[in-house]
Protein backbone atom coordinates (compact mmCIF):
# COMPACT_ATOMS: atom_id res chain seq x y z
CA UNK A 1 -39.69 -2.02 -26.31
CA UNK A 2 -37.68 -1.40 -29.33
CA UNK A 3 -34.98 -1.25 -26.58
CA UNK A 4 -35.94 -4.33 -25.03
CA UNK A 5 -35.98 -6.32 -28.42
CA UNK A 6 -32.51 -4.97 -29.24
CA UNK A 7 -31.06 -6.28 -26.06
CA UNK A 8 -32.74 -9.69 -26.33
CA UNK A 9 -31.77 -10.07 -30.16
CA UNK A 10 -28.09 -9.40 -29.33
CA UNK A 11 -28.58 -12.52 -26.76
CA UNK A 12 -30.10 -14.78 -28.96
CA UNK A 13 -28.48 -17.29 -30.95
CA UNK A 14 -31.25 -17.53 -33.63
CA UNK A 15 -31.70 -13.66 -33.96
CA UNK A 16 -27.73 -13.26 -34.32
CA UNK A 17 -27.48 -15.74 -37.03
CA UNK A 18 -30.60 -14.03 -38.83
CA UNK A 19 -28.55 -10.79 -38.45
CA UNK A 20 -25.38 -11.99 -39.84
CA UNK A 21 -25.43 -11.25 -43.02
CA UNK A 22 -28.06 -8.01 -42.85
CA UNK A 23 -26.91 -4.19 -42.78
CA UNK A 24 -29.67 -1.56 -42.37
CA UNK A 25 -30.68 1.10 -40.69
CA UNK A 26 -34.49 1.50 -39.59
CA UNK A 27 -35.81 5.01 -38.44
CA UNK A 28 -38.84 5.32 -36.22
CA UNK A 29 -41.01 8.28 -36.03
CA UNK A 30 -43.52 8.00 -33.44
CA UNK A 31 -45.57 11.25 -33.28
CA UNK A 32 -44.29 14.49 -33.73
CA UNK A 33 -41.42 14.27 -31.07
CA UNK A 34 -40.07 10.84 -30.93
CA UNK A 35 -37.14 9.79 -33.06
CA UNK A 36 -35.09 6.73 -32.69
CA UNK A 37 -33.27 4.29 -34.93
CA UNK A 38 -31.84 0.91 -34.78
CA UNK A 39 -28.87 -0.26 -36.78
CA UNK A 40 -28.37 -3.92 -37.90
CA UNK A 41 -24.47 -4.89 -38.54
CA UNK A 42 -22.19 -7.66 -38.42
CA UNK A 43 -24.73 -9.66 -36.53
CA UNK A 44 -25.52 -7.13 -34.14
CA UNK A 45 -28.42 -4.49 -33.56
CA UNK A 46 -27.69 -1.16 -31.68
CA UNK A 47 -30.69 1.36 -30.54
CA UNK A 48 -30.05 4.93 -31.10
CA UNK A 49 -31.95 8.26 -29.89
CA UNK A 50 -32.44 10.70 -32.63
CA UNK A 51 -32.57 10.50 -36.07
CA UNK A 52 -30.37 8.65 -38.81
CA UNK A 53 -28.66 10.75 -41.78
CA UNK A 54 -29.34 7.59 -44.04
CA UNK A 55 -32.08 4.99 -43.14
CA UNK A 56 -32.76 2.18 -45.23
CA UNK A 57 -36.53 2.22 -43.95
CA UNK A 58 -38.63 4.84 -41.97
CA UNK A 59 -41.46 3.43 -40.05
CA UNK A 60 -43.86 6.50 -38.77
CA UNK A 61 -46.79 6.16 -36.54
CA UNK A 62 -49.12 7.53 -33.90
CA UNK A 63 -47.88 6.91 -30.40
CA UNK A 64 -51.17 5.03 -29.45
CA UNK A 65 -50.93 2.83 -32.47
CA UNK A 66 -47.42 2.11 -32.13
CA UNK A 67 -47.82 0.90 -28.58
CA UNK A 68 -50.76 -1.20 -29.51
CA UNK A 69 -48.72 -2.71 -32.29
CA UNK A 70 -45.73 -3.52 -29.75
CA UNK A 71 -48.22 -4.73 -27.09
CA UNK A 72 -49.53 -7.22 -29.65
CA UNK A 73 -52.99 -5.53 -29.05
CA UNK A 74 -53.29 -4.64 -32.79
CA UNK A 75 -52.13 -6.83 -35.90
CA UNK A 76 -49.18 -5.09 -37.73
CA UNK A 77 -50.69 -6.29 -41.05
CA UNK A 78 -54.20 -4.70 -40.29
CA UNK A 79 -52.72 -1.49 -38.72
CA UNK A 80 -50.79 -1.13 -42.09
CA UNK A 81 -53.73 -2.00 -44.08
CA UNK A 82 -55.90 0.78 -42.18
CA UNK A 83 -52.70 3.29 -42.59
CA UNK A 84 -52.06 3.38 -38.93
CA UNK A 85 -48.53 3.41 -39.59
CA UNK A 86 -46.34 4.18 -42.74
CA UNK A 87 -43.20 2.55 -44.17
CA UNK A 88 -41.28 4.04 -46.51
CA UNK A 89 -37.71 2.86 -48.11
CA UNK A 90 -36.86 -0.68 -48.22
CA UNK A 91 -39.89 -3.15 -47.78
CA UNK A 92 -37.34 -6.21 -47.45
CA UNK A 93 -35.64 -4.38 -44.60
CA UNK A 94 -38.90 -3.71 -42.99
CA UNK A 95 -39.99 -7.32 -43.23
CA UNK A 96 -36.76 -8.51 -42.06
CA UNK A 97 -37.05 -6.57 -38.82
CA UNK A 98 -40.54 -7.83 -38.52
CA UNK A 99 -39.29 -11.24 -38.78
CA UNK A 100 -36.30 -10.29 -36.44
CA UNK A 101 -39.09 -9.32 -33.89
CA UNK A 102 -41.00 -12.49 -34.33
CA UNK A 103 -37.65 -14.69 -33.40
CA UNK A 104 -36.94 -12.55 -30.40
CA UNK A 105 -40.75 -12.94 -29.43
CA UNK A 106 -40.68 -16.57 -29.53
CA UNK A 107 -37.49 -17.12 -27.74
CA UNK A 108 -38.14 -14.76 -25.10
CA UNK A 109 -41.96 -14.86 -24.27
CA UNK A 110 -41.68 -14.41 -20.43
CA UNK A 111 -39.14 -11.29 -20.64
CA UNK A 112 -41.40 -9.62 -22.95
CA UNK A 113 -44.49 -10.48 -21.33
CA UNK A 114 -43.04 -8.46 -18.17
CA UNK A 115 -42.13 -5.63 -20.80
CA UNK A 116 -45.62 -5.61 -21.90
CA UNK A 117 -47.04 -5.51 -18.55
CA UNK A 118 -44.93 -2.47 -17.47
CA UNK A 119 -45.83 -0.55 -20.38
CA UNK A 120 -49.72 -0.94 -20.19
C-alpha cells in the first residue's frame, strides 16, 4: 500500500506541489521482519526496501494494525492513542506524511479502492 501511495503521489500535481520544499526520510518497521522507508526530496517520493541509515521519522507497528490503518479500518489517531503504533523522530514530518496520504487518497479514490480490495 505504501508503494502504491508513492507511485500515485509522484503522479499527482497537488502531492508534488506539497512535497516541493520537503526533504525527509520516513522509516517503517512493521513487526519483527518488514523494514522499508520512503524518501521525499525535490518534490518526489521514492520507496526503498530495508533500513535507512538516518531517518527523520520512524513508524513502528504490528502488521495487523498497520494493515488496518492503511485499509481505513482503523482510525490513525485512535490507533496512536491506544499504542497500536509508535512514532519517533520528527512529528512534523510524520504529520506531513499523513497529509500526503490524505492528498493522494482524495485524488485517487478509485485506484486506492482497488488496492485495498486486493490487500484484504
